[in-house]
Amino acid sequence: MGKVTVSPKFQVVIPKEVREQIGVKVGMKLEIITFGNRMELIPIEPIKKLRGSLSGINSKIDREGDRF
């Protein structure tokens, strides 16, 4: 990937190649997760974008006779 520099205000610029690869847009919300000395930025997708993503999934669950 690319390298970034932390500004005096602790800001970084996401390189253009990375922005285009994962589809980061202006105003998009990102969640930051840390693992030891590593951090990850994860795009937060609107819940409406998930609509229809599970269509066709088998939701039948075999249950014991006394469970409803």
N, C-alpha and C. Protein backbone atom coordinates (compact mmCIF):
# COMPACT_ATOMS: atom_id res chain seq x y z
N MET A 1 0.84 -1.17 0.00
CA MET A 1 0.00 0.00 0.00
C MET A 1 0.89 1.24 0.00
N GLY A 2 0.36 2.34 0.50
CA GLY A 2 1.11 3.58 0.52
C GLY A 2 1.53 3.94 1.93
N LYS A 3 2.34 4.97 2.01
CA LYS A 3 2.77 5.48 3.30
C LYS A 3 2.10 6.82 3.53
N VAL A 4 1.82 7.13 4.79
CA VAL A 4 1.21 8.40 5.15
C VAL A 4 2.03 9.04 6.25
N THR A 5 1.87 10.34 6.42
CA THR A 5 2.54 11.09 7.47
C THR A 5 1.48 11.69 8.39
N VAL A 6 1.72 11.60 9.68
CA VAL A 6 0.80 12.18 10.65
C VAL A 6 1.13 13.67 10.78
N SER A 7 0.12 14.52 10.61
CA SER A 7 0.30 15.97 10.71
C SER A 7 0.40 16.39 12.18
N PRO A 8 0.78 17.64 12.44
CA PRO A 8 0.82 18.13 13.82
C PRO A 8 -0.54 18.05 14.52
N LYS A 9 -1.63 18.00 13.75
CA LYS A 9 -2.97 17.87 14.32
C LYS A 9 -3.41 16.40 14.37
N PHE A 10 -2.47 15.48 14.17
CA PHE A 10 -2.72 14.03 14.16
C PHE A 10 -3.67 13.61 13.05
N GLN A 11 -3.60 14.28 11.90
CA GLN A 11 -4.42 13.93 10.75
C GLN A 11 -3.56 13.19 9.74
N VAL A 12 -4.21 12.32 8.96
CA VAL A 12 -3.53 11.62 7.87
C VAL A 12 -4.39 11.73 6.62
N VAL A 13 -3.75 11.62 5.47
CA VAL A 13 -4.46 11.63 4.19
C VAL A 13 -4.42 10.21 3.65
N ILE A 14 -5.60 9.67 3.33
CA ILE A 14 -5.68 8.33 2.75
C ILE A 14 -5.26 8.44 1.29
N PRO A 15 -4.23 7.69 0.87
CA PRO A 15 -3.76 7.79 -0.51
C PRO A 15 -4.88 7.50 -1.52
N LYS A 16 -4.81 8.17 -2.66
CA LYS A 16 -5.84 8.07 -3.70
C LYS A 16 -6.08 6.63 -4.13
N GLU A 17 -5.02 5.86 -4.30
CA GLU A 17 -5.17 4.47 -4.74
C GLU A 17 -6.00 3.67 -3.74
N VAL A 18 -5.78 3.91 -2.46
CA VAL A 18 -6.51 3.20 -1.41
C VAL A 18 -7.96 3.66 -1.38
N ARG A 19 -8.19 4.97 -1.48
CA ARG A 19 -9.55 5.51 -1.50
C ARG A 19 -10.36 4.91 -2.64
N GLU A 20 -9.75 4.84 -3.81
CA GLU A 20 -10.45 4.30 -4.97
C GLU A 20 -10.68 2.80 -4.82
N GLN A 21 -9.72 2.08 -4.25
CA GLN A 21 -9.82 0.63 -4.11
C GLN A 21 -10.97 0.23 -3.19
N ILE A 22 -11.17 0.96 -2.09
CA ILE A 22 -12.22 0.58 -1.16
C ILE A 22 -13.45 1.48 -1.24
N GLY A 23 -13.42 2.48 -2.10
CA GLY A 23 -14.59 3.30 -2.35
C GLY A 23 -14.88 4.36 -1.29
N VAL A 24 -13.85 4.93 -0.68
CA VAL A 24 -14.05 5.98 0.31
C VAL A 24 -14.46 7.26 -0.40
N LYS A 25 -15.55 7.87 0.09
CA LYS A 25 -16.06 9.12 -0.48
C LYS A 25 -16.03 10.22 0.58
N VAL A 26 -16.12 11.46 0.15
CA VAL A 26 -16.16 12.61 1.05
C VAL A 26 -17.35 12.48 1.99
N GLY A 27 -17.14 12.68 3.27
CA GLY A 27 -18.20 12.62 4.26
C GLY A 27 -18.52 11.23 4.77
N MET A 28 -17.88 10.21 4.21
CA MET A 28 -18.13 8.84 4.61
C MET A 28 -17.62 8.62 6.04
N LYS A 29 -18.36 7.83 6.81
CA LYS A 29 -17.96 7.51 8.18
C LYS A 29 -17.09 6.26 8.16
N LEU A 30 -16.02 6.30 8.96
CA LEU A 30 -15.12 5.15 9.10
C LEU A 30 -15.00 4.81 10.58
N GLU A 31 -14.94 3.52 10.87
CA GLU A 31 -14.72 3.08 12.24
C GLU A 31 -13.25 2.70 12.35
N ILE A 32 -12.63 3.04 13.47
CA ILE A 32 -11.24 2.70 13.67
C ILE A 32 -11.14 1.63 14.76
N ILE A 33 -10.40 0.57 14.47
CA ILE A 33 -10.20 -0.53 15.40
C ILE A 33 -8.70 -0.70 15.59
N THR A 34 -8.28 -0.90 16.83
CA THR A 34 -6.86 -1.09 17.11
C THR A 34 -6.59 -2.52 17.56
N PHE A 35 -5.45 -3.02 17.16
CA PHE A 35 -4.94 -4.33 17.54
C PHE A 35 -3.49 -4.14 17.94
N GLY A 36 -3.21 -4.02 19.25
CA GLY A 36 -1.84 -3.78 19.68
C GLY A 36 -1.36 -2.45 19.12
N ASN A 37 -0.31 -2.49 18.31
CA ASN A 37 0.22 -1.26 17.71
C ASN A 37 -0.26 -1.04 16.28
N ARG A 38 -1.33 -1.74 15.88
CA ARG A 38 -1.88 -1.64 14.53
C ARG A 38 -3.28 -1.05 14.59
N MET A 39 -3.67 -0.30 13.55
CA MET A 39 -5.03 0.23 13.48
C MET A 39 -5.61 -0.05 12.11
N GLU A 40 -6.92 -0.21 12.08
CA GLU A 40 -7.64 -0.43 10.82
C GLU A 40 -8.80 0.54 10.74
N LEU A 41 -9.03 1.07 9.54
CA LEU A 41 -10.19 1.93 9.26
C LEU A 41 -11.18 1.10 8.46
N ILE A 42 -12.41 1.01 8.97
CA ILE A 42 -13.43 0.20 8.33
C ILE A 42 -14.59 1.09 7.93
N PRO A 43 -14.94 1.11 6.64
CA PRO A 43 -16.08 1.93 6.20
C PRO A 43 -17.37 1.47 6.87
N ILE A 44 -18.17 2.41 7.36
CA ILE A 44 -19.47 2.11 7.95
C ILE A 44 -20.50 2.28 6.84
N GLU A 45 -21.15 1.18 6.50
CA GLU A 45 -22.14 1.19 5.43
C GLU A 45 -23.52 1.48 6.01
N PRO A 46 -24.34 2.25 5.30
CA PRO A 46 -25.71 2.48 5.76
C PRO A 46 -26.47 1.16 5.80
N ILE A 47 -27.33 0.99 6.80
CA ILE A 47 -28.08 -0.25 6.96
C ILE A 47 -28.98 -0.51 5.76
N LYS A 48 -29.45 0.54 5.09
CA LYS A 48 -30.30 0.37 3.91
C LYS A 48 -29.57 -0.35 2.78
N LYS A 49 -28.24 -0.25 2.76
CA LYS A 49 -27.47 -0.91 1.71
C LYS A 49 -27.55 -2.44 1.83
N LEU A 50 -27.87 -2.94 3.02
CA LEU A 50 -27.96 -4.38 3.24
C LEU A 50 -29.30 -4.97 2.79
N ARG A 51 -30.27 -4.10 2.51
CA ARG A 51 -31.59 -4.58 2.13
C ARG A 51 -31.51 -5.51 0.93
N GLY A 52 -32.08 -6.69 1.08
CA GLY A 52 -32.11 -7.67 0.00
C GLY A 52 -30.86 -8.52 -0.10
N SER A 53 -29.85 -8.28 0.74
CA SER A 53 -28.60 -9.03 0.62
C SER A 53 -28.74 -10.47 1.10
N LEU A 54 -29.79 -10.77 1.85
CA LEU A 54 -29.99 -12.13 2.36
C LEU A 54 -31.14 -12.85 1.67
N SER A 55 -31.64 -12.30 0.58
CA SER A 55 -32.74 -12.96 -0.10
C SER A 55 -32.28 -14.31 -0.64
N GLY A 56 -33.14 -15.29 -0.50
CA GLY A 56 -32.81 -16.63 -0.97
C GLY A 56 -32.10 -17.49 0.07
N ILE A 57 -31.82 -16.93 1.24
CA ILE A 57 -31.13 -17.71 2.27
C ILE A 57 -32.11 -18.70 2.89
N ASN A 58 -31.64 -19.88 3.20
CA ASN A 58 -32.48 -20.90 3.81
C ASN A 58 -32.59 -20.60 5.29
N SER A 59 -33.78 -20.22 5.74
CA SER A 59 -33.99 -19.85 7.13
C SER A 59 -34.69 -20.95 7.93
N LYS A 60 -34.83 -22.14 7.33
CA LYS A 60 -35.48 -23.24 8.02
C LYS A 60 -34.51 -23.80 9.06
N ILE A 61 -35.02 -23.93 10.27
CA ILE A 61 -34.22 -24.47 11.36
C ILE A 61 -34.93 -25.70 11.90
N ASP A 62 -34.23 -26.82 11.94
CA ASP A 62 -34.80 -28.03 12.52
C ASP A 62 -34.78 -27.89 14.04
N ARG A 63 -35.96 -28.03 14.64
CA ARG A 63 -36.08 -27.89 16.09
C ARG A 63 -36.66 -29.15 16.69
N GLU A 64 -36.39 -29.34 17.94
CA GLU A 64 -36.97 -30.47 18.65
C GLU A 64 -38.46 -30.24 18.78
N GLY A 65 -39.23 -31.32 18.96
CA GLY A 65 -40.69 -31.24 18.99
C GLY A 65 -41.26 -30.32 20.04
N ASP A 66 -40.57 -30.18 21.19
CA ASP A 66 -41.11 -29.35 22.25
C ASP A 66 -40.66 -27.90 22.16
N ARG A 67 -39.98 -27.52 21.09
CA ARG A 67 -39.51 -26.14 20.90
C ARG A 67 -40.26 -25.50 19.74
N PHE A 68 -40.66 -24.26 19.93
CA PHE A 68 -41.36 -23.53 18.87
C PHE A 68 -40.62 -22.28 18.52
